[in-house]
Amino acid sequence: MYRPLTLLSLLFLATTAGAQHQVSGRLDDRAVPGTLPLEEIRAMLADAAATKPYEFPTLPGLPEDLASFVPADNPMTNAKVELGRQLYFDKRLSRDGTVSCATCHDPARGWTDTSPVSTGIAAQKGGRSAPTVTNRLFGKTQFWDGRAASLEEQALGPIANPVEMGFTHDEAIERLNQVKGYVVQFAAVFGTPVTADGIAKAIAAFERTILSGGNKNDYYEAAERWFDWDEASEDDAEVRALANRALDLEAQHRMSPSAERGRALFFGKASCSACHVGADLTDEMFHNIGVQPDDPGRSAVTGDAAHTGAFKTPSLRNIALTAPYMHDGSLKTLVEVVEHYNKGGTPNDHLSEKIFPLKLTPQEVQDVARFMEEALTGPVTEVEVPRLP
């Protein structure tokens, strides 16, 4: 068996609807340099499975051909994903050895850090909340303002950010080239010593494995077409089996009445689906929704003043696990989020035309929040903390 896959444990763990992860400490504190022996690394790489393409699972609610979202210039192999997992948890990518990717994007905290803004080296505070890594396979751009065009570009950004990891790329490369276990893996995966391009591609490959599908809403949508179906009138046995399977799964993952009412509002009166659309419930676009409207937001990237205060629409999958909300972490609960939209945001010169008072009743506000908490919370890739070379 290919040992990195055993370590990676790409299983899908069902979470309690609406529950927050409760952990003590950070998971990256458990990733200790020097605990993965060189001989074990060589054995991993010698296994024929190491060079095989990474196989994505099939997940309800997500596109069937997940591999089609992987860029052609960074094909995913098992060994590359495993290398990326190690780098993702390795604090040696920061100047003082205190911060890893997992520090701000912790698997135990919804792949974020559940803080209003993130903390980098020397206890420095960033300016924005850490977005979740979940389902970034589908991301057209990265960061709240979309300044990175790919996950590869995003992976390198924090390393050289003086507030986050505080290194330069050259210094990080020099440090990792002194770790024999990394040198051996980079040679096997990329045919080169440690490089910035290799670091970016390995971390991005790992991040693309972090997926969530199969929540209550996914099962509802798969069964919805059959709700008024008359089985007795169906002669095709395959169609009957398909319909019954979908209906059985929906029954096993049924929403509460409040969540179902909230779903109708989400796609109707509350207009949430104006931006939260598609399999990942995001249009991947940028909108000024009246939160910190004086922040330059997307305009700092495009140079267009019309984009002032505009930020990317986040996915709502597992949104209950990633409080606080908005790019600045200013809203603590999903009820507060719905109330913000219900009042029409904060008026400003660049407020999106999609933001206006919704006239939801207090009960409707609660129902929309309940839908997001309960029906959009589902299984997410479970990743084991790696041993490090």
Protein backbone atom coordinates (compact mmCIF):
# COMPACT_ATOMS: atom_id res chain seq x y z
CA MET A 1 0.00 0.00 0.00
CA TYR A 2 1.18 3.54 -0.78
CA ARG A 3 1.91 4.93 2.67
CA PRO A 4 1.26 8.65 1.99
CA LEU A 5 -2.32 7.78 1.08
CA THR A 6 -2.63 5.87 4.34
CA LEU A 7 -1.42 8.97 6.16
CA LEU A 8 -3.58 11.30 4.13
CA SER A 9 -6.79 9.47 5.13
CA LEU A 10 -8.99 11.17 2.58
CA LEU A 11 -12.20 10.12 4.25
CA PHE A 12 -15.36 12.12 4.55
CA LEU A 13 -16.56 12.87 8.06
CA ALA A 14 -20.20 13.79 8.59
CA THR A 15 -20.49 16.71 11.00
CA THR A 16 -23.43 17.55 13.22
CA ALA A 17 -25.57 20.13 11.46
CA GLY A 18 -24.71 23.61 12.64
CA ALA A 19 -22.07 22.44 15.12
CA GLN A 20 -18.77 24.20 15.59
CA HIS A 21 -15.54 22.23 15.76
CA GLN A 22 -14.28 22.19 19.35
CA VAL A 23 -10.55 21.72 19.63
CA SER A 24 -7.82 22.76 21.99
CA GLY A 25 -4.78 24.24 20.32
CA ARG A 26 -3.94 24.21 16.64
CA LEU A 27 -3.52 21.09 14.58
CA ASP A 28 -0.26 22.32 13.09
CA ASP A 29 1.26 22.20 16.59
CA ARG A 30 1.19 18.42 16.18
CA ALA A 31 3.23 18.45 12.95
CA VAL A 32 6.77 17.92 14.23
CA PRO A 33 9.83 18.20 11.98
CA GLY A 34 12.05 15.15 11.87
CA THR A 35 9.34 12.59 12.67
CA LEU A 36 9.11 11.22 9.12
CA PRO A 37 12.30 9.18 8.50
CA LEU A 38 14.12 9.45 5.18
CA GLU A 39 13.96 5.70 4.64
CA GLU A 40 10.19 5.80 4.97
CA ILE A 41 10.00 8.64 2.46
CA ARG A 42 12.08 6.64 -0.01
CA ALA A 43 9.79 3.63 0.48
CA MET A 44 6.73 5.77 -0.16
CA LEU A 45 8.17 7.13 -3.38
CA ALA A 46 9.26 3.68 -4.55
CA ASP A 47 5.67 2.44 -4.42
CA ALA A 48 4.08 2.37 -7.89
CA ALA A 49 1.05 4.24 -6.55
CA ALA A 50 3.16 7.34 -5.90
CA THR A 51 3.18 8.40 -9.54
CA LYS A 52 -0.44 7.53 -10.25
CA PRO A 53 -2.95 10.33 -10.78
CA TYR A 54 -4.87 11.34 -7.69
CA GLU A 55 -8.39 9.91 -7.82
CA PHE A 56 -11.17 12.24 -6.72
CA PRO A 57 -14.18 10.80 -4.91
CA THR A 58 -17.71 11.16 -6.24
CA LEU A 59 -19.63 13.51 -3.95
CA PRO A 60 -23.35 14.34 -3.98
CA GLY A 61 -24.01 17.88 -5.13
CA LEU A 62 -20.62 18.41 -6.76
CA PRO A 63 -19.73 18.01 -10.46
CA GLU A 64 -19.01 14.43 -11.45
CA ASP A 65 -15.72 15.09 -13.22
CA LEU A 66 -13.78 16.86 -10.47
CA ALA A 67 -10.47 16.14 -12.23
CA SER A 68 -11.50 18.50 -15.02
CA PHE A 69 -11.03 21.45 -12.62
CA VAL A 70 -7.32 20.66 -12.15
CA PRO A 71 -5.10 22.94 -14.29
CA ALA A 72 -3.18 21.19 -17.04
CA ASP A 73 0.15 22.60 -15.85
CA ASN A 74 -0.21 21.05 -12.39
CA PRO A 75 -1.47 17.47 -12.73
CA MET A 76 -2.12 15.80 -9.39
CA THR A 77 -0.29 12.63 -8.40
CA ASN A 78 -0.51 10.90 -5.06
CA ALA A 79 3.08 11.81 -4.22
CA LYS A 80 2.52 15.48 -5.07
CA VAL A 81 -0.58 15.63 -2.87
CA GLU A 82 1.34 14.06 0.01
CA LEU A 83 4.22 16.50 -0.41
CA GLY A 84 1.72 19.35 -0.40
CA ARG A 85 0.12 18.04 2.79
CA GLN A 86 3.48 18.12 4.57
CA LEU A 87 4.26 21.64 3.35
CA TYR A 88 0.78 22.84 4.31
CA PHE A 89 1.38 21.95 7.96
CA ASP A 90 5.07 22.89 8.10
CA LYS A 91 5.86 26.01 10.14
CA ARG A 92 9.37 26.11 8.68
CA LEU A 93 7.84 28.03 5.79
CA SER A 94 7.61 31.04 8.14
CA ARG A 95 10.57 33.12 9.24
CA ASP A 96 10.31 32.36 12.95
CA GLY A 97 8.88 28.86 12.60
CA THR A 98 5.54 29.71 14.22
CA VAL A 99 3.10 29.88 11.30
CA SER A 100 2.03 27.35 8.67
CA CYS A 101 -0.79 27.37 6.14
CA ALA A 102 -2.79 25.34 8.67
CA THR A 103 -2.39 28.03 11.32
CA CYS A 104 -4.96 30.21 9.57
CA HIS A 105 -6.69 27.45 7.60
CA ASP A 106 -7.09 24.77 10.26
CA PRO A 107 -8.95 21.54 9.35
CA ALA A 108 -10.37 21.45 12.87
CA ARG A 109 -11.90 24.91 12.44
CA GLY A 110 -13.66 24.57 9.12
CA TRP A 111 -10.34 25.13 7.29
CA THR A 112 -10.19 28.68 8.63
CA ASP A 113 -9.20 30.00 12.08
CA THR A 114 -12.59 31.20 13.39
CA SER A 115 -11.11 34.62 14.17
CA PRO A 116 -12.20 38.01 12.83
CA VAL A 117 -8.73 38.50 11.33
CA SER A 118 -5.77 36.15 11.25
CA THR A 119 -2.58 36.30 13.30
CA GLY A 120 0.83 35.99 11.65
CA ILE A 121 4.40 35.94 12.93
CA ALA A 122 5.24 38.03 15.98
CA ALA A 123 1.51 38.11 16.82
CA GLN A 124 0.82 40.56 14.00
CA LYS A 125 -2.81 40.94 12.98
CA GLY A 126 -3.89 40.82 9.36
CA GLY A 127 -6.60 43.00 7.88
CA ARG A 128 -9.07 40.35 6.75
CA SER A 129 -10.64 37.10 7.84
CA ALA A 130 -9.08 33.86 6.58
CA PRO A 131 -11.30 32.27 3.89
CA THR A 132 -11.91 28.54 4.06
CA VAL A 133 -9.87 26.20 1.87
CA THR A 134 -12.87 23.92 1.33
CA ASN A 135 -13.85 23.48 -2.34
CA ARG A 136 -11.24 25.88 -3.62
CA LEU A 137 -10.80 23.37 -6.43
CA PHE A 138 -13.59 25.37 -8.08
CA GLY A 139 -12.15 28.81 -7.37
CA LYS A 140 -11.68 31.10 -10.37
CA THR A 141 -9.64 33.54 -8.26
CA GLN A 142 -8.28 33.45 -4.71
CA PHE A 143 -8.30 35.82 -1.71
CA TRP A 144 -11.21 38.07 -0.81
CA ASP A 145 -10.19 40.60 -3.45
CA GLY A 146 -9.27 38.03 -6.11
CA ARG A 147 -5.68 39.19 -6.38
CA ALA A 148 -4.41 35.66 -7.01
CA ALA A 149 -5.46 34.04 -10.27
CA SER A 150 -4.82 30.50 -9.06
CA LEU A 151 -4.31 28.36 -5.98
CA GLU A 152 -0.65 28.11 -6.94
CA GLU A 153 -0.28 31.89 -6.82
CA GLN A 154 -2.24 32.04 -3.58
CA ALA A 155 -0.02 29.43 -1.91
CA LEU A 156 3.07 31.60 -2.35
CA GLY A 157 1.49 34.87 -1.21
CA PRO A 158 1.45 34.35 2.58
CA ILE A 159 5.05 33.07 2.66
CA ALA A 160 6.38 36.44 1.50
CA ASN A 161 3.79 38.55 3.33
CA PRO A 162 5.58 40.39 6.19
CA VAL A 163 2.50 40.13 8.43
CA GLU A 164 1.72 36.47 7.75
CA MET A 165 4.78 34.20 7.37
CA GLY A 166 7.35 36.96 6.97
CA PHE A 167 9.84 35.14 4.72
CA THR A 168 11.03 35.67 1.20
CA HIS A 169 10.56 32.90 -1.33
CA ASP A 170 14.32 32.54 -1.71
CA GLU A 171 14.80 32.16 2.04
CA ALA A 172 12.05 29.56 2.25
CA ILE A 173 13.62 27.62 -0.63
CA GLU A 174 17.02 27.74 1.03
CA ARG A 175 15.60 26.43 4.30
CA LEU A 176 13.71 23.54 2.71
CA ASN A 177 16.69 22.58 0.55
CA GLN A 178 18.48 21.84 3.81
CA VAL A 179 15.85 19.20 4.68
CA LYS A 180 16.88 15.96 3.00
CA GLY A 181 13.36 14.52 3.09
CA TYR A 182 12.04 17.46 1.10
CA VAL A 183 14.94 17.37 -1.35
CA VAL A 184 14.22 13.71 -2.08
CA GLN A 185 10.50 14.32 -2.56
CA PHE A 186 10.96 17.34 -4.81
CA ALA A 187 13.40 15.37 -6.95
CA ALA A 188 10.86 12.55 -7.29
CA VAL A 189 7.81 14.73 -7.88
CA PHE A 190 9.26 17.60 -9.94
CA GLY A 191 12.74 16.42 -10.96
CA THR A 192 14.26 19.52 -9.34
CA PRO A 193 15.56 20.74 -5.99
CA VAL A 194 13.08 22.69 -3.87
CA THR A 195 11.72 25.62 -5.90
CA ALA A 196 9.04 28.25 -5.36
CA ASP A 197 7.10 26.83 -8.28
CA GLY A 198 7.23 23.36 -6.76
CA ILE A 199 6.16 24.59 -3.33
CA ALA A 200 3.18 26.36 -4.88
CA LYS A 201 2.15 23.42 -7.03
CA ALA A 202 2.41 20.87 -4.22
CA ILE A 203 0.40 22.94 -1.72
CA ALA A 204 -2.22 23.75 -4.36
CA ALA A 205 -2.51 20.07 -5.28
CA PHE A 206 -3.17 19.19 -1.65
CA GLU A 207 -5.68 22.02 -1.22
CA ARG A 208 -7.65 20.78 -4.22
CA THR A 209 -8.40 17.57 -2.33
CA ILE A 210 -10.30 19.46 0.41
CA LEU A 211 -13.91 19.00 -0.63
CA SER A 212 -17.38 19.05 0.80
CA GLY A 213 -20.50 17.56 -0.78
CA GLY A 214 -23.46 15.53 0.38
CA ASN A 215 -25.30 17.90 2.69
CA LYS A 216 -29.06 17.86 3.28
CA ASN A 217 -29.66 20.37 0.52
CA ASP A 218 -27.76 18.23 -1.99
CA TYR A 219 -30.01 15.26 -1.24
CA TYR A 220 -33.09 17.49 -1.38
CA GLU A 221 -32.14 18.82 -4.82
CA ALA A 222 -31.39 15.33 -6.14
CA ALA A 223 -34.85 14.13 -5.01
CA GLU A 224 -36.90 17.23 -5.73
CA ARG A 225 -37.87 16.19 -9.25
CA TRP A 226 -39.43 13.01 -7.83
CA PHE A 227 -41.49 14.53 -5.00
CA ASP A 228 -44.75 14.36 -6.97
CA TRP A 229 -43.76 11.26 -8.93
CA ASP A 230 -46.22 8.39 -9.28
CA GLU A 231 -44.20 5.19 -9.13
CA ALA A 232 -47.13 3.10 -10.34
CA SER A 233 -47.14 4.97 -13.66
CA GLU A 234 -43.44 4.33 -14.33
CA ASP A 235 -42.65 1.29 -16.50
CA ASP A 236 -38.86 1.74 -16.63
CA ALA A 237 -37.24 -0.27 -13.81
CA GLU A 238 -34.05 1.77 -13.94
CA VAL A 239 -35.96 5.02 -13.55
CA ARG A 240 -37.91 3.56 -10.62
CA ALA A 241 -34.69 2.50 -8.94
CA LEU A 242 -33.11 5.93 -9.51
CA ALA A 243 -36.13 7.76 -8.14
CA ASN A 244 -36.50 5.53 -5.11
CA ARG A 245 -32.80 5.82 -4.32
CA ALA A 246 -32.97 9.63 -4.45
CA LEU A 247 -36.12 9.73 -2.34
CA ASP A 248 -34.70 7.33 0.23
CA LEU A 249 -31.52 9.40 0.61
CA GLU A 250 -33.52 12.59 1.01
CA ALA A 251 -35.61 10.93 3.69
CA GLN A 252 -32.45 9.88 5.52
CA HIS A 253 -31.11 13.47 5.36
CA ARG A 254 -34.35 15.40 5.72
CA MET A 255 -34.33 19.07 6.64
CA SER A 256 -36.27 20.36 9.59
CA PRO A 257 -39.42 22.35 8.73
CA SER A 258 -37.59 25.57 9.61
CA ALA A 259 -34.68 24.75 7.28
CA GLU A 260 -37.08 23.85 4.47
CA ARG A 261 -38.88 27.15 4.88
CA GLY A 262 -35.49 28.85 4.89
CA ARG A 263 -34.57 27.09 1.66
CA ALA A 264 -37.66 28.45 -0.07
CA LEU A 265 -36.74 31.94 1.15
CA PHE A 266 -33.06 31.51 0.18
CA PHE A 267 -34.03 30.84 -3.43
CA GLY A 268 -36.97 33.23 -3.34
CA LYS A 269 -37.85 36.27 -1.24
CA ALA A 270 -34.43 36.58 0.45
CA SER A 271 -32.64 36.63 -2.95
CA CYS A 272 -29.58 34.85 -1.54
CA SER A 273 -29.25 32.86 -4.76
CA ALA A 274 -28.64 36.07 -6.73
CA CYS A 275 -24.99 35.57 -5.76
CA HIS A 276 -24.86 32.19 -4.00
CA VAL A 277 -25.47 29.96 -7.02
CA GLY A 278 -24.15 26.79 -8.59
CA ALA A 279 -22.77 23.63 -7.03
CA ASP A 280 -20.56 25.57 -4.62
CA LEU A 281 -23.16 28.28 -3.91
CA THR A 282 -21.02 31.15 -5.14
CA ASP A 283 -20.89 33.13 -8.36
CA GLU A 284 -17.14 33.71 -7.76
CA MET A 285 -17.83 37.38 -8.46
CA PHE A 286 -17.20 40.54 -6.42
CA HIS A 287 -19.88 42.66 -4.78
CA ASN A 288 -20.07 45.61 -2.41
CA ILE A 289 -22.58 44.39 0.17
CA GLY A 290 -22.23 47.31 2.55
CA VAL A 291 -19.62 45.88 4.90
CA GLN A 292 -16.68 48.24 5.54
CA PRO A 293 -17.54 50.11 2.34
CA ASP A 294 -14.44 52.31 2.56
CA ASP A 295 -12.11 49.29 2.20
CA PRO A 296 -10.73 49.39 -1.37
CA GLY A 297 -11.52 45.70 -1.83
CA ARG A 298 -11.47 44.60 -5.45
CA SER A 299 -10.59 48.11 -6.67
CA ALA A 300 -7.06 47.69 -5.28
CA VAL A 301 -6.61 44.89 -7.82
CA THR A 302 -8.46 46.31 -10.82
CA GLY A 303 -7.80 50.03 -10.34
CA ASP A 304 -11.48 50.65 -10.99
CA ALA A 305 -13.09 52.89 -8.37
CA ALA A 306 -16.44 51.25 -9.10
CA HIS A 307 -15.08 48.12 -7.40
CA THR A 308 -14.45 49.91 -4.09
CA GLY A 309 -15.60 47.80 -1.17
CA ALA A 310 -16.37 44.81 -3.40
CA PHE A 311 -15.35 41.37 -2.15
CA LYS A 312 -15.73 37.87 -3.51
CA THR A 313 -18.87 35.88 -2.81
CA PRO A 314 -17.85 33.03 -0.48
CA SER A 315 -19.13 29.50 -0.80
CA LEU A 316 -21.84 28.72 1.75
CA ARG A 317 -20.96 25.05 2.09
CA ASN A 318 -20.17 24.36 5.75
CA ILE A 319 -20.67 28.03 6.48
CA ALA A 320 -21.82 27.15 10.01
CA LEU A 321 -18.26 26.02 10.78
CA THR A 322 -16.48 29.22 9.76
CA ALA A 323 -17.80 32.03 11.98
CA PRO A 324 -17.27 34.96 12.29
CA TYR A 325 -18.46 36.17 8.90
CA MET A 326 -17.68 38.67 6.14
CA HIS A 327 -14.21 39.65 4.96
CA ASP A 328 -13.55 41.53 8.19
CA GLY A 329 -15.13 39.01 10.57
CA SER A 330 -17.50 41.70 11.78
CA LEU A 331 -20.63 39.54 12.04
CA LYS A 332 -20.60 36.81 14.67
CA THR A 333 -23.57 34.65 13.69
CA LEU A 334 -25.54 33.65 10.62
CA VAL A 335 -28.58 35.39 12.08
CA GLU A 336 -26.55 38.62 12.11
CA VAL A 337 -25.58 37.96 8.49
CA VAL A 338 -29.21 37.56 7.41
CA GLU A 339 -30.19 40.66 9.39
CA HIS A 340 -27.46 42.61 7.61
CA TYR A 341 -28.90 41.69 4.23
CA ASN A 342 -32.45 42.17 5.49
CA LYS A 343 -31.76 45.83 6.24
CA GLY A 344 -30.13 46.30 2.83
CA GLY A 345 -26.54 46.52 4.01
CA THR A 346 -24.84 49.81 4.79
CA PRO A 347 -25.62 52.46 2.14
CA ASN A 348 -22.61 53.70 0.20
CA ASP A 349 -21.76 55.00 -3.26
CA HIS A 350 -20.74 51.57 -4.56
CA LEU A 351 -23.38 49.34 -2.99
CA SER A 352 -24.33 46.48 -5.29
CA GLU A 353 -27.71 46.71 -6.99
CA LYS A 354 -28.34 43.20 -5.63
CA ILE A 355 -28.41 44.56 -2.07
CA PHE A 356 -31.73 46.04 -0.92
CA PRO A 357 -34.09 45.68 2.07
CA LEU A 358 -35.63 42.19 2.00
CA LYS A 359 -38.55 42.79 4.37
CA LEU A 360 -38.11 39.42 6.04
CA THR A 361 -40.03 38.81 9.24
CA PRO A 362 -38.08 37.82 12.38
CA GLN A 363 -39.19 34.21 11.86
CA GLU A 364 -38.06 34.29 8.23
CA VAL A 365 -34.65 35.58 9.30
CA GLN A 366 -34.36 32.65 11.67
CA ASP A 367 -35.47 30.19 8.97
CA VAL A 368 -32.90 31.38 6.43
CA ALA A 369 -30.16 31.12 9.05
CA ARG A 370 -31.40 27.66 9.99
CA PHE A 371 -31.24 26.52 6.37
CA MET A 372 -27.61 27.59 6.11
CA GLU A 373 -26.65 26.11 9.47
CA GLU A 374 -28.41 22.79 9.06
CA ALA A 375 -28.87 22.02 5.37
CA LEU A 376 -25.57 23.38 4.04
CA THR A 377 -23.40 21.62 6.62
CA GLY A 378 -22.10 18.33 5.29
CA PRO A 379 -19.16 15.94 5.11
CA VAL A 380 -15.75 17.48 4.54
CA THR A 381 -12.42 15.92 3.76
CA GLU A 382 -10.74 14.72 6.94
CA VAL A 383 -6.98 15.11 6.87
CA GLU A 384 -4.56 13.55 9.29
CA VAL A 385 -1.79 15.76 10.68
CA PRO A 386 1.39 14.62 8.90
CA ARG A 387 4.74 13.64 10.22
CA LEU A 388 7.34 15.93 8.72
CA PRO A 389 10.82 15.26 7.30
